[in-house]
Amino acid sequence: MKKNPGYSWIEISKRVHVFRAGDDSAPQCEAIHKSLEVLYSLMAKEGYVPDPREVSQNVEEEEEKRRLICGHSERLAIAFGLLNTEAGTPLQVMKNLRVCGDCHEVTKMISKIVGREILVRDANRFHLFKDGTCSCKDRW
């Protein structure tokens, strides 16, 4: 069974920016990945470990699974939003698929670390992440 590719988009300054899972051609790609690495480092200090079960591709190596999950489209869009908006500005991200469990946990942690509200609309519902929690109360 072939899975649809994950896409996320975010509007900044009246311009919509689209991100595809694993996309290395995105605007500010290098800065996005550096920003995510900083966030992952901070999250690791809080006990975060990527969950390789969330990788939909048939990959054997754990390190490759971690790399793939860390490139999910909503993470790229969130990092882009953090880089291109003023501190404290809420972010709004749309996603064509359901948010995976690992991205849900990561977005909760990012909201706490950066002190921002992050609204993510996935294929099923709205998730409002704030101060390390989600409006769905982790039942989605």
N, C-alpha and C. Protein backbone atom coordinates (compact mmCIF):
# COMPACT_ATOMS: atom_id res chain seq x y z
N MET A 1 0.84 -1.18 0.00
CA MET A 1 0.00 0.00 0.00
C MET A 1 0.89 1.25 0.00
N LYS A 2 0.65 2.12 -0.92
CA LYS A 2 1.43 3.35 -1.02
C LYS A 2 0.75 4.47 -0.24
N LYS A 3 1.54 5.16 0.57
CA LYS A 3 1.02 6.24 1.39
C LYS A 3 1.22 7.57 0.68
N ASN A 4 0.25 8.46 0.82
CA ASN A 4 0.39 9.80 0.25
C ASN A 4 1.52 10.54 0.95
N PRO A 5 2.27 11.35 0.20
CA PRO A 5 3.34 12.13 0.84
C PRO A 5 2.75 13.19 1.76
N GLY A 6 3.46 13.45 2.85
CA GLY A 6 3.01 14.47 3.80
C GLY A 6 3.40 15.86 3.34
N TYR A 7 2.43 16.76 3.35
CA TYR A 7 2.66 18.17 3.03
C TYR A 7 2.13 19.02 4.17
N SER A 8 2.83 20.10 4.44
CA SER A 8 2.35 21.09 5.40
C SER A 8 2.58 22.46 4.80
N TRP A 9 1.75 23.41 5.19
CA TRP A 9 1.93 24.77 4.70
C TRP A 9 1.66 25.75 5.82
N ILE A 10 2.33 26.88 5.69
CA ILE A 10 2.23 27.95 6.67
C ILE A 10 2.20 29.27 5.90
N GLU A 11 1.36 30.19 6.35
CA GLU A 11 1.30 31.51 5.71
C GLU A 11 2.07 32.51 6.56
N ILE A 12 2.99 33.19 5.92
CA ILE A 12 3.78 34.23 6.59
C ILE A 12 3.84 35.43 5.66
N SER A 13 3.47 36.58 6.17
CA SER A 13 3.47 37.82 5.39
C SER A 13 2.67 37.67 4.10
N LYS A 14 1.49 37.08 4.21
CA LYS A 14 0.55 36.91 3.10
C LYS A 14 1.10 36.02 1.98
N ARG A 15 2.07 35.18 2.30
CA ARG A 15 2.61 34.25 1.33
C ARG A 15 2.57 32.84 1.93
N VAL A 16 2.05 31.90 1.17
CA VAL A 16 1.94 30.51 1.63
C VAL A 16 3.22 29.76 1.26
N HIS A 17 3.80 29.09 2.25
CA HIS A 17 5.02 28.31 2.06
C HIS A 17 4.66 26.84 2.27
N VAL A 18 4.99 26.00 1.30
CA VAL A 18 4.63 24.58 1.34
C VAL A 18 5.88 23.75 1.60
N PHE A 19 5.74 22.76 2.47
CA PHE A 19 6.85 21.87 2.82
C PHE A 19 6.41 20.43 2.63
N ARG A 20 7.30 19.63 2.06
CA ARG A 20 7.06 18.20 1.86
C ARG A 20 8.00 17.43 2.79
N ALA A 21 7.53 16.34 3.32
CA ALA A 21 8.36 15.53 4.22
C ALA A 21 9.69 15.19 3.54
N GLY A 22 10.78 15.43 4.25
CA GLY A 22 12.11 15.13 3.73
C GLY A 22 12.63 16.08 2.68
N ASP A 23 11.94 17.18 2.46
CA ASP A 23 12.29 18.13 1.40
C ASP A 23 13.54 18.91 1.77
N ASP A 24 14.57 18.77 0.94
CA ASP A 24 15.80 19.54 1.15
C ASP A 24 15.90 20.73 0.21
N SER A 25 14.83 21.00 -0.55
CA SER A 25 14.86 22.12 -1.47
C SER A 25 14.04 23.30 -0.95
N ALA A 26 13.56 23.19 0.27
CA ALA A 26 12.72 24.23 0.85
C ALA A 26 13.51 25.53 1.02
N PRO A 27 12.80 26.67 1.01
CA PRO A 27 13.49 27.93 1.27
C PRO A 27 14.13 27.89 2.66
N GLN A 28 15.31 28.40 2.77
CA GLN A 28 16.04 28.46 4.04
C GLN A 28 16.27 27.07 4.64
N CYS A 29 16.45 26.08 3.78
CA CYS A 29 16.58 24.69 4.21
C CYS A 29 17.67 24.51 5.27
N GLU A 30 18.82 25.08 5.03
CA GLU A 30 19.93 24.92 5.98
C GLU A 30 19.59 25.53 7.33
N ALA A 31 19.01 26.72 7.33
CA ALA A 31 18.62 27.38 8.59
C ALA A 31 17.53 26.59 9.31
N ILE A 32 16.59 26.02 8.55
CA ILE A 32 15.52 25.21 9.14
C ILE A 32 16.12 24.02 9.87
N HIS A 33 17.03 23.31 9.21
CA HIS A 33 17.63 22.12 9.82
C HIS A 33 18.49 22.48 11.02
N LYS A 34 19.20 23.59 10.95
CA LYS A 34 19.99 24.03 12.11
C LYS A 34 19.07 24.38 13.28
N SER A 35 17.98 25.05 13.00
CA SER A 35 17.01 25.40 14.03
C SER A 35 16.43 24.15 14.68
N LEU A 36 16.08 23.17 13.85
CA LEU A 36 15.54 21.91 14.38
C LEU A 36 16.58 21.17 15.21
N GLU A 37 17.83 21.19 14.79
CA GLU A 37 18.88 20.52 15.57
C GLU A 37 19.01 21.15 16.95
N VAL A 38 18.95 22.47 17.02
CA VAL A 38 18.99 23.15 18.33
C VAL A 38 17.80 22.72 19.18
N LEU A 39 16.62 22.70 18.57
CA LEU A 39 15.42 22.28 19.31
C LEU A 39 15.53 20.83 19.76
N TYR A 40 16.01 19.94 18.89
CA TYR A 40 16.15 18.52 19.26
C TYR A 40 17.13 18.36 20.41
N SER A 41 18.19 19.15 20.40
CA SER A 41 19.17 19.09 21.49
C SER A 41 18.52 19.49 22.81
N LEU A 42 17.73 20.57 22.78
CA LEU A 42 17.03 21.00 23.99
C LEU A 42 15.99 19.96 24.43
N MET A 43 15.31 19.35 23.46
CA MET A 43 14.31 18.33 23.79
C MET A 43 14.98 17.08 24.36
N ALA A 44 16.15 16.72 23.84
CA ALA A 44 16.86 15.54 24.34
C ALA A 44 17.20 15.71 25.81
N LYS A 45 17.52 16.93 26.21
CA LYS A 45 17.80 17.20 27.63
C LYS A 45 16.57 16.98 28.50
N GLU A 46 15.40 17.05 27.87
CA GLU A 46 14.13 16.81 28.58
C GLU A 46 13.69 15.35 28.44
N GLY A 47 14.53 14.54 27.77
CA GLY A 47 14.23 13.12 27.65
C GLY A 47 13.65 12.68 26.32
N TYR A 48 13.57 13.58 25.34
CA TYR A 48 12.99 13.21 24.04
C TYR A 48 13.92 12.29 23.25
N VAL A 49 13.33 11.21 22.73
CA VAL A 49 13.99 10.30 21.80
C VAL A 49 13.01 10.07 20.66
N PRO A 50 13.43 10.29 19.39
CA PRO A 50 12.50 10.06 18.27
C PRO A 50 11.96 8.64 18.27
N ASP A 51 10.69 8.50 17.94
CA ASP A 51 10.03 7.19 17.91
C ASP A 51 10.07 6.64 16.49
N PRO A 52 10.97 5.68 16.22
CA PRO A 52 11.13 5.17 14.85
C PRO A 52 9.92 4.39 14.35
N ARG A 53 8.99 4.03 15.21
CA ARG A 53 7.78 3.32 14.77
C ARG A 53 6.90 4.20 13.89
N GLU A 54 7.11 5.52 13.94
CA GLU A 54 6.29 6.45 13.16
C GLU A 54 6.76 6.62 11.72
N VAL A 55 7.83 5.91 11.32
CA VAL A 55 8.33 5.99 9.95
C VAL A 55 7.51 5.03 9.09
N SER A 56 6.89 5.55 8.05
CA SER A 56 6.03 4.73 7.20
C SER A 56 6.81 3.98 6.12
N GLN A 57 8.02 4.41 5.85
CA GLN A 57 8.81 3.76 4.80
C GLN A 57 9.46 2.49 5.35
N ASN A 58 9.73 1.55 4.47
CA ASN A 58 10.36 0.30 4.86
C ASN A 58 11.87 0.52 4.97
N VAL A 59 12.32 0.87 6.16
CA VAL A 59 13.73 1.18 6.41
C VAL A 59 14.18 0.33 7.59
N GLU A 60 15.36 -0.27 7.48
CA GLU A 60 15.87 -1.15 8.53
C GLU A 60 16.67 -0.40 9.60
N GLU A 61 17.54 0.52 9.19
CA GLU A 61 18.45 1.18 10.12
C GLU A 61 17.72 2.18 11.01
N GLU A 62 17.97 2.09 12.31
CA GLU A 62 17.34 2.99 13.27
C GLU A 62 17.74 4.45 13.02
N GLU A 63 18.99 4.68 12.67
CA GLU A 63 19.45 6.05 12.44
C GLU A 63 18.74 6.67 11.24
N GLU A 64 18.54 5.88 10.20
CA GLU A 64 17.82 6.38 9.02
C GLU A 64 16.36 6.66 9.37
N LYS A 65 15.76 5.83 10.20
CA LYS A 65 14.39 6.07 10.65
C LYS A 65 14.30 7.38 11.42
N ARG A 66 15.28 7.62 12.29
CA ARG A 66 15.29 8.87 13.06
C ARG A 66 15.43 10.08 12.13
N ARG A 67 16.29 9.94 11.12
CA ARG A 67 16.48 11.04 10.17
C ARG A 67 15.18 11.33 9.42
N LEU A 68 14.49 10.28 9.01
CA LEU A 68 13.25 10.46 8.27
C LEU A 68 12.17 11.12 9.12
N ILE A 69 12.00 10.66 10.34
CA ILE A 69 10.94 11.23 11.18
C ILE A 69 11.25 12.68 11.53
N CYS A 70 12.51 13.01 11.67
CA CYS A 70 12.87 14.39 12.01
C CYS A 70 12.67 15.34 10.83
N GLY A 71 12.36 14.80 9.66
CA GLY A 71 12.10 15.63 8.48
C GLY A 71 10.64 15.70 8.09
N HIS A 72 9.75 15.35 9.02
CA HIS A 72 8.32 15.43 8.69
C HIS A 72 7.94 16.87 8.38
N SER A 73 6.99 17.02 7.48
CA SER A 73 6.66 18.33 6.90
C SER A 73 6.23 19.37 7.93
N GLU A 74 5.48 18.97 8.96
CA GLU A 74 5.03 19.96 9.94
C GLU A 74 6.19 20.51 10.75
N ARG A 75 7.21 19.70 10.98
CA ARG A 75 8.39 20.19 11.70
C ARG A 75 9.12 21.23 10.87
N LEU A 76 9.24 20.98 9.56
CA LEU A 76 9.89 21.95 8.68
C LEU A 76 9.11 23.26 8.66
N ALA A 77 7.78 23.16 8.56
CA ALA A 77 6.94 24.37 8.53
C ALA A 77 7.04 25.14 9.84
N ILE A 78 7.03 24.43 10.95
CA ILE A 78 7.12 25.10 12.26
C ILE A 78 8.47 25.81 12.39
N ALA A 79 9.55 25.12 12.03
CA ALA A 79 10.88 25.75 12.12
C ALA A 79 10.96 26.97 11.22
N PHE A 80 10.40 26.87 10.01
CA PHE A 80 10.38 28.01 9.10
C PHE A 80 9.61 29.17 9.73
N GLY A 81 8.48 28.87 10.34
CA GLY A 81 7.69 29.90 11.01
C GLY A 81 8.44 30.56 12.15
N LEU A 82 9.15 29.76 12.93
CA LEU A 82 9.93 30.32 14.03
C LEU A 82 11.03 31.25 13.52
N LEU A 83 11.62 30.89 12.40
CA LEU A 83 12.69 31.70 11.82
C LEU A 83 12.20 33.00 11.19
N ASN A 84 10.94 33.03 10.78
CA ASN A 84 10.45 34.15 9.97
C ASN A 84 9.34 34.96 10.60
N THR A 85 9.13 34.80 11.89
CA THR A 85 8.15 35.61 12.61
C THR A 85 8.78 36.12 13.89
N GLU A 86 8.19 37.15 14.43
CA GLU A 86 8.71 37.72 15.67
C GLU A 86 8.42 36.80 16.84
N ALA A 87 9.29 36.86 17.84
CA ALA A 87 9.11 36.06 19.05
C ALA A 87 7.72 36.30 19.63
N GLY A 88 7.08 35.24 20.05
CA GLY A 88 5.76 35.34 20.65
C GLY A 88 4.60 35.25 19.67
N THR A 89 4.89 35.38 18.38
CA THR A 89 3.83 35.30 17.37
C THR A 89 3.31 33.87 17.27
N PRO A 90 2.00 33.67 17.38
CA PRO A 90 1.45 32.31 17.21
C PRO A 90 1.69 31.82 15.78
N LEU A 91 1.88 30.51 15.64
CA LEU A 91 2.07 29.90 14.33
C LEU A 91 0.83 29.09 13.97
N GLN A 92 0.49 29.08 12.68
CA GLN A 92 -0.63 28.27 12.18
C GLN A 92 -0.13 27.43 11.02
N VAL A 93 -0.22 26.12 11.19
CA VAL A 93 0.27 25.17 10.18
C VAL A 93 -0.89 24.27 9.76
N MET A 94 -0.99 24.03 8.47
CA MET A 94 -1.98 23.09 7.93
C MET A 94 -1.22 21.87 7.42
N LYS A 95 -1.84 20.69 7.56
CA LYS A 95 -1.21 19.45 7.13
C LYS A 95 -2.24 18.58 6.43
N ASN A 96 -1.82 17.91 5.34
CA ASN A 96 -2.76 17.10 4.57
C ASN A 96 -3.03 15.73 5.18
N LEU A 97 -2.17 15.27 6.07
CA LEU A 97 -2.33 13.97 6.73
C LEU A 97 -2.54 14.17 8.23
N ARG A 98 -2.81 13.08 8.91
CA ARG A 98 -2.90 13.11 10.36
C ARG A 98 -1.50 13.30 10.94
N VAL A 99 -1.37 14.08 11.99
CA VAL A 99 -0.10 14.28 12.68
C VAL A 99 0.29 12.97 13.35
N CYS A 100 1.54 12.52 13.16
CA CYS A 100 1.98 11.29 13.82
C CYS A 100 2.23 11.56 15.30
N GLY A 101 2.27 10.50 16.08
CA GLY A 101 2.44 10.63 17.52
C GLY A 101 3.73 11.32 17.91
N ASP A 102 4.82 11.04 17.18
CA ASP A 102 6.09 11.67 17.51
C ASP A 102 6.05 13.16 17.23
N CYS A 103 5.47 13.56 16.10
CA CYS A 103 5.37 14.99 15.78
C CYS A 103 4.46 15.70 16.78
N HIS A 104 3.44 15.01 17.26
CA HIS A 104 2.55 15.58 18.27
C HIS A 104 3.35 15.89 19.54
N GLU A 105 4.17 14.93 19.98
CA GLU A 105 5.00 15.14 21.17
C GLU A 105 6.02 16.25 20.95
N VAL A 106 6.65 16.24 19.78
CA VAL A 106 7.65 17.26 19.45
C VAL A 106 7.02 18.65 19.44
N THR A 107 5.85 18.79 18.86
CA THR A 107 5.21 20.10 18.79
C THR A 107 4.82 20.59 20.18
N LYS A 108 4.40 19.69 21.05
CA LYS A 108 4.13 20.09 22.44
C LYS A 108 5.40 20.64 23.07
N MET A 109 6.51 19.93 22.89
CA MET A 109 7.77 20.37 23.49
C MET A 109 8.25 21.69 22.89
N ILE A 110 8.13 21.85 21.57
CA ILE A 110 8.55 23.10 20.94
C ILE A 110 7.73 24.26 21.48
N SER A 111 6.42 24.07 21.64
CA SER A 111 5.58 25.16 22.15
C SER A 111 6.04 25.61 23.53
N LYS A 112 6.50 24.68 24.32
CA LYS A 112 7.00 25.02 25.66
C LYS A 112 8.36 25.71 25.59
N ILE A 113 9.26 25.16 24.79
CA ILE A 113 10.62 25.70 24.68
C ILE A 113 10.62 27.13 24.15
N VAL A 114 9.83 27.38 23.10
CA VAL A 114 9.86 28.70 22.46
C VAL A 114 8.80 29.66 23.00
N GLY A 115 7.91 29.16 23.86
CA GLY A 115 6.88 30.02 24.45
C GLY A 115 5.91 30.57 23.43
N ARG A 116 5.47 29.70 22.51
CA ARG A 116 4.53 30.13 21.48
C ARG A 116 3.35 29.18 21.38
N GLU A 117 2.23 29.73 20.93
CA GLU A 117 1.10 28.89 20.56
C GLU A 117 1.34 28.41 19.14
N ILE A 118 1.08 27.13 18.92
CA ILE A 118 1.22 26.55 17.58
C ILE A 118 -0.08 25.83 17.27
N LEU A 119 -0.79 26.32 16.28
CA LEU A 119 -2.04 25.70 15.86
C LEU A 119 -1.73 24.83 14.64
N VAL A 120 -2.05 23.55 14.73
CA VAL A 120 -1.84 22.64 13.62
C VAL A 120 -3.19 22.04 13.24
N ARG A 121 -3.57 22.22 11.99
CA ARG A 121 -4.79 21.60 11.47
C ARG A 121 -4.35 20.41 10.64
N ASP A 122 -4.65 19.20 11.13
CA ASP A 122 -4.30 18.02 10.36
C ASP A 122 -5.55 17.47 9.67
N ALA A 123 -5.48 16.28 9.12
CA ALA A 123 -6.60 15.71 8.37
C ALA A 123 -7.81 15.41 9.25
N ASN A 124 -7.61 15.34 10.57
CA ASN A 124 -8.70 14.98 11.48
C ASN A 124 -9.22 16.12 12.34
N ARG A 125 -8.34 17.00 12.79
CA ARG A 125 -8.77 18.00 13.76
C ARG A 125 -7.77 19.15 13.89
N PHE A 126 -8.17 20.11 14.69
CA PHE A 126 -7.27 21.20 15.07
C PHE A 126 -6.56 20.80 16.36
N HIS A 127 -5.27 21.09 16.42
CA HIS A 127 -4.48 20.89 17.63
C HIS A 127 -3.91 22.25 18.02
N LEU A 128 -4.21 22.72 19.20
CA LEU A 128 -3.61 23.96 19.69
C LEU A 128 -2.59 23.59 20.75
N PHE A 129 -1.32 23.78 20.41
CA PHE A 129 -0.22 23.47 21.32
C PHE A 129 0.18 24.74 22.06
N LYS A 130 0.24 24.64 23.37
CA LYS A 130 0.60 25.80 24.19
C LYS A 130 1.22 25.31 25.49
N ASP A 131 2.38 25.87 25.83
CA ASP A 131 3.06 25.55 27.09
C ASP A 131 3.26 24.06 27.30
N GLY A 132 3.53 23.33 26.22
CA GLY A 132 3.81 21.90 26.34
C GLY A 132 2.60 21.00 26.40
N THR A 133 1.42 21.54 26.11
CA THR A 133 0.21 20.73 26.11
C THR A 133 -0.53 20.91 24.78
N CYS A 134 -1.49 20.02 24.54
CA CYS A 134 -2.31 20.13 23.33
C CYS A 134 -3.77 20.14 23.72
N SER A 135 -4.54 20.90 22.97
CA SER A 135 -5.98 21.02 23.24
C SER A 135 -6.71 19.69 23.12
N CYS A 136 -6.16 18.72 22.39
CA CYS A 136 -6.82 17.42 22.25
C CYS A 136 -6.60 16.53 23.47
N LYS A 137 -5.77 17.02 24.39
CA LYS A 137 -5.44 16.26 25.60
C LYS A 137 -4.87 14.88 25.25
N ASP A 138 -4.13 14.83 24.14
CA ASP A 138 -3.46 13.62 23.66
C ASP A 138 -4.42 12.49 23.31
N ARG A 139 -5.63 12.86 22.93
CA ARG A 139 -6.62 11.86 22.50
C ARG A 139 -7.08 12.23 21.10
N TRP A 140 -6.31 11.86 20.15
CA TRP A 140 -6.69 12.17 18.77
C TRP A 140 -6.60 10.93 17.96
